[in-house]
Amino acid sequence: MVRAKFTCIGVRKSLHWDRSKGFLFEATFSPVTSGSEENKQFFEATPSGEIKLSTYKEDYFEPGKSYFIDFTLAEG
């Protein structure tokens, strides 16, 4: 397992391609790179990248807040 720390840098609202389903909220994350010793350790493991996730819930991710993201191998 690899644990990384990412900060939500923005949430974009758009119409779902199936308009009857309402809106999608696309959250964009970037890796944490500074601010504490813990953040420096995360930066050494994840120096660059970007994650984008879409949800139906507007308030699921908050810009400016950091989140741990765990990557675990899915076998099969």
N, C-alpha and C. Protein backbone atom coordinates (compact mmCIF):
# COMPACT_ATOMS: atom_id res chain seq x y z
N MET A 1 0.84 -1.19 0.00
CA MET A 1 0.00 0.00 0.00
C MET A 1 0.88 1.25 0.00
N VAL A 2 0.45 2.24 -0.73
CA VAL A 2 1.10 3.54 -0.74
C VAL A 2 0.07 4.57 -0.28
N ARG A 3 0.45 5.38 0.68
CA ARG A 3 -0.44 6.44 1.15
C ARG A 3 0.14 7.77 0.69
N ALA A 4 -0.71 8.58 0.09
CA ALA A 4 -0.29 9.90 -0.38
C ALA A 4 -1.25 10.94 0.18
N LYS A 5 -0.77 12.17 0.26
CA LYS A 5 -1.59 13.26 0.76
C LYS A 5 -1.78 14.26 -0.38
N PHE A 6 -3.04 14.53 -0.71
CA PHE A 6 -3.36 15.45 -1.80
C PHE A 6 -4.28 16.54 -1.28
N THR A 7 -4.16 17.73 -1.87
CA THR A 7 -5.03 18.85 -1.53
C THR A 7 -5.99 19.10 -2.68
N CYS A 8 -7.25 19.31 -2.33
CA CYS A 8 -8.26 19.65 -3.33
C CYS A 8 -8.00 21.10 -3.76
N ILE A 9 -7.73 21.29 -5.06
CA ILE A 9 -7.43 22.64 -5.55
C ILE A 9 -8.63 23.27 -6.24
N GLY A 10 -9.70 22.53 -6.40
CA GLY A 10 -10.89 23.11 -6.99
C GLY A 10 -11.96 22.07 -7.27
N VAL A 11 -13.20 22.54 -7.33
CA VAL A 11 -14.34 21.68 -7.68
C VAL A 11 -15.12 22.41 -8.78
N ARG A 12 -15.34 21.72 -9.88
CA ARG A 12 -16.02 22.30 -11.03
C ARG A 12 -17.39 21.65 -11.18
N LYS A 13 -18.42 22.46 -11.32
CA LYS A 13 -19.79 21.97 -11.48
C LYS A 13 -20.15 21.98 -12.97
N SER A 14 -20.70 20.87 -13.45
CA SER A 14 -21.15 20.82 -14.84
C SER A 14 -22.39 19.93 -14.94
N LEU A 15 -23.13 20.10 -16.01
CA LEU A 15 -24.30 19.26 -16.25
C LEU A 15 -23.86 17.83 -16.55
N HIS A 16 -24.56 16.88 -15.98
CA HIS A 16 -24.32 15.47 -16.30
C HIS A 16 -24.67 15.27 -17.77
N TRP A 17 -23.96 14.38 -18.46
CA TRP A 17 -24.27 14.14 -19.87
C TRP A 17 -25.70 13.66 -20.06
N ASP A 18 -26.24 12.97 -19.04
CA ASP A 18 -27.65 12.59 -19.02
C ASP A 18 -28.35 13.66 -18.16
N ARG A 19 -28.86 14.70 -18.79
CA ARG A 19 -29.38 15.86 -18.07
C ARG A 19 -30.40 15.52 -16.99
N SER A 20 -31.07 14.38 -17.12
CA SER A 20 -32.06 14.00 -16.10
C SER A 20 -31.38 13.68 -14.76
N LYS A 21 -30.06 13.47 -14.77
CA LYS A 21 -29.34 13.14 -13.54
C LYS A 21 -28.77 14.37 -12.84
N GLY A 22 -28.98 15.55 -13.41
CA GLY A 22 -28.55 16.76 -12.73
C GLY A 22 -27.12 17.14 -13.03
N PHE A 23 -26.36 17.36 -11.97
CA PHE A 23 -25.01 17.89 -12.11
C PHE A 23 -23.95 16.88 -11.67
N LEU A 24 -22.74 17.09 -12.18
CA LEU A 24 -21.54 16.39 -11.71
C LEU A 24 -20.61 17.43 -11.10
N PHE A 25 -19.84 17.00 -10.12
CA PHE A 25 -18.88 17.87 -9.46
C PHE A 25 -17.51 17.23 -9.59
N GLU A 26 -16.64 17.84 -10.41
CA GLU A 26 -15.31 17.28 -10.65
C GLU A 26 -14.31 17.96 -9.72
N ALA A 27 -13.73 17.19 -8.82
CA ALA A 27 -12.73 17.69 -7.89
C ALA A 27 -11.34 17.38 -8.44
N THR A 28 -10.45 18.36 -8.37
CA THR A 28 -9.07 18.21 -8.82
C THR A 28 -8.16 18.31 -7.61
N PHE A 29 -7.18 17.40 -7.55
CA PHE A 29 -6.26 17.32 -6.42
C PHE A 29 -4.82 17.38 -6.90
N SER A 30 -3.96 17.97 -6.08
CA SER A 30 -2.53 17.96 -6.36
C SER A 30 -1.81 17.49 -5.09
N PRO A 31 -0.62 16.87 -5.25
CA PRO A 31 0.08 16.34 -4.09
C PRO A 31 0.57 17.45 -3.16
N VAL A 32 0.56 17.15 -1.88
CA VAL A 32 1.07 18.08 -0.87
C VAL A 32 2.59 18.06 -0.95
N THR A 33 3.20 19.25 -0.91
CA THR A 33 4.65 19.32 -1.10
C THR A 33 5.41 20.04 0.01
N SER A 34 4.71 20.75 0.90
CA SER A 34 5.44 21.50 1.92
C SER A 34 4.52 21.82 3.10
N GLY A 35 5.07 22.52 4.07
CA GLY A 35 4.26 22.98 5.19
C GLY A 35 4.53 22.28 6.50
N SER A 36 5.08 21.05 6.43
CA SER A 36 5.42 20.31 7.65
C SER A 36 6.38 19.18 7.29
N GLU A 37 6.95 18.57 8.31
CA GLU A 37 7.83 17.42 8.06
C GLU A 37 7.06 16.28 7.41
N GLU A 38 5.83 16.05 7.87
CA GLU A 38 4.99 15.01 7.28
C GLU A 38 4.77 15.28 5.79
N ASN A 39 4.47 16.54 5.46
CA ASN A 39 4.24 16.89 4.06
C ASN A 39 5.50 16.72 3.23
N LYS A 40 6.66 17.02 3.79
CA LYS A 40 7.91 16.80 3.07
C LYS A 40 8.12 15.32 2.78
N GLN A 41 7.74 14.47 3.72
CA GLN A 41 7.85 13.02 3.50
C GLN A 41 6.91 12.56 2.38
N PHE A 42 5.70 13.09 2.35
CA PHE A 42 4.78 12.76 1.26
C PHE A 42 5.34 13.23 -0.07
N PHE A 43 5.93 14.43 -0.08
CA PHE A 43 6.49 14.96 -1.31
C PHE A 43 7.60 14.07 -1.84
N GLU A 44 8.40 13.49 -0.96
CA GLU A 44 9.47 12.58 -1.40
C GLU A 44 8.89 11.35 -2.08
N ALA A 45 7.70 10.91 -1.66
CA ALA A 45 7.08 9.72 -2.24
C ALA A 45 6.22 10.05 -3.45
N THR A 46 5.64 11.24 -3.49
CA THR A 46 4.75 11.62 -4.60
C THR A 46 5.08 13.04 -5.05
N PRO A 47 6.18 13.20 -5.80
CA PRO A 47 6.62 14.56 -6.14
C PRO A 47 5.75 15.30 -7.15
N SER A 48 4.96 14.59 -7.93
CA SER A 48 4.11 15.30 -8.89
C SER A 48 2.92 14.44 -9.24
N GLY A 49 1.93 15.05 -9.86
CA GLY A 49 0.76 14.31 -10.29
C GLY A 49 -0.49 15.12 -10.13
N GLU A 50 -1.60 14.51 -10.52
CA GLU A 50 -2.90 15.14 -10.41
C GLU A 50 -3.95 14.04 -10.39
N ILE A 51 -4.97 14.25 -9.59
CA ILE A 51 -6.09 13.30 -9.53
C ILE A 51 -7.36 14.10 -9.77
N LYS A 52 -8.24 13.55 -10.62
CA LYS A 52 -9.56 14.16 -10.84
C LYS A 52 -10.61 13.11 -10.57
N LEU A 53 -11.61 13.49 -9.77
CA LEU A 53 -12.72 12.61 -9.44
C LEU A 53 -14.03 13.34 -9.65
N SER A 54 -15.01 12.64 -10.16
CA SER A 54 -16.33 13.23 -10.32
C SER A 54 -17.31 12.57 -9.36
N THR A 55 -18.16 13.39 -8.76
CA THR A 55 -19.17 12.89 -7.83
C THR A 55 -20.51 13.56 -8.14
N TYR A 56 -21.56 13.02 -7.57
CA TYR A 56 -22.88 13.64 -7.66
C TYR A 56 -23.12 14.59 -6.50
N LYS A 57 -22.27 14.52 -5.47
CA LYS A 57 -22.46 15.33 -4.26
C LYS A 57 -21.60 16.59 -4.34
N GLU A 58 -22.24 17.73 -4.19
CA GLU A 58 -21.54 19.01 -4.30
C GLU A 58 -20.52 19.23 -3.19
N ASP A 59 -20.83 18.79 -1.99
CA ASP A 59 -19.98 19.10 -0.85
C ASP A 59 -19.09 17.94 -0.41
N TYR A 60 -18.81 17.00 -1.29
CA TYR A 60 -18.01 15.84 -0.90
C TYR A 60 -16.55 16.23 -0.66
N PHE A 61 -15.99 17.08 -1.51
CA PHE A 61 -14.61 17.55 -1.34
C PHE A 61 -14.61 19.07 -1.26
N GLU A 62 -13.72 19.61 -0.42
CA GLU A 62 -13.68 21.05 -0.19
C GLU A 62 -12.33 21.61 -0.64
N PRO A 63 -12.35 22.59 -1.55
CA PRO A 63 -11.09 23.20 -1.97
C PRO A 63 -10.29 23.73 -0.77
N GLY A 64 -8.99 23.49 -0.80
CA GLY A 64 -8.11 23.93 0.28
C GLY A 64 -7.90 22.88 1.35
N LYS A 65 -8.73 21.85 1.38
CA LYS A 65 -8.58 20.77 2.37
C LYS A 65 -7.73 19.65 1.78
N SER A 66 -6.97 18.98 2.66
CA SER A 66 -6.11 17.87 2.23
C SER A 66 -6.76 16.54 2.60
N TYR A 67 -6.46 15.53 1.79
CA TYR A 67 -7.03 14.19 1.96
C TYR A 67 -5.95 13.15 1.78
N PHE A 68 -6.01 12.09 2.58
CA PHE A 68 -5.14 10.95 2.36
C PHE A 68 -5.75 10.07 1.28
N ILE A 69 -4.92 9.58 0.39
CA ILE A 69 -5.36 8.69 -0.66
C ILE A 69 -4.50 7.43 -0.57
N ASP A 70 -5.14 6.29 -0.37
CA ASP A 70 -4.43 5.03 -0.24
C ASP A 70 -4.54 4.24 -1.54
N PHE A 71 -3.39 3.79 -2.02
CA PHE A 71 -3.34 2.95 -3.23
C PHE A 71 -2.97 1.55 -2.79
N THR A 72 -3.86 0.60 -3.04
CA THR A 72 -3.65 -0.79 -2.69
C THR A 72 -3.85 -1.63 -3.94
N LEU A 73 -2.94 -2.55 -4.20
CA LEU A 73 -3.03 -3.42 -5.37
C LEU A 73 -4.32 -4.21 -5.33
N ALA A 74 -5.05 -4.18 -6.43
CA ALA A 74 -6.28 -4.96 -6.56
C ALA A 74 -5.97 -6.15 -7.46
N GLU A 75 -5.89 -7.30 -6.88
CA GLU A 75 -5.55 -8.49 -7.65
C GLU A 75 -6.80 -9.10 -8.24
N GLY A 76 -6.68 -9.54 -9.49
CA GLY A 76 -7.79 -10.24 -10.13
C GLY A 76 -8.67 -9.38 -10.83
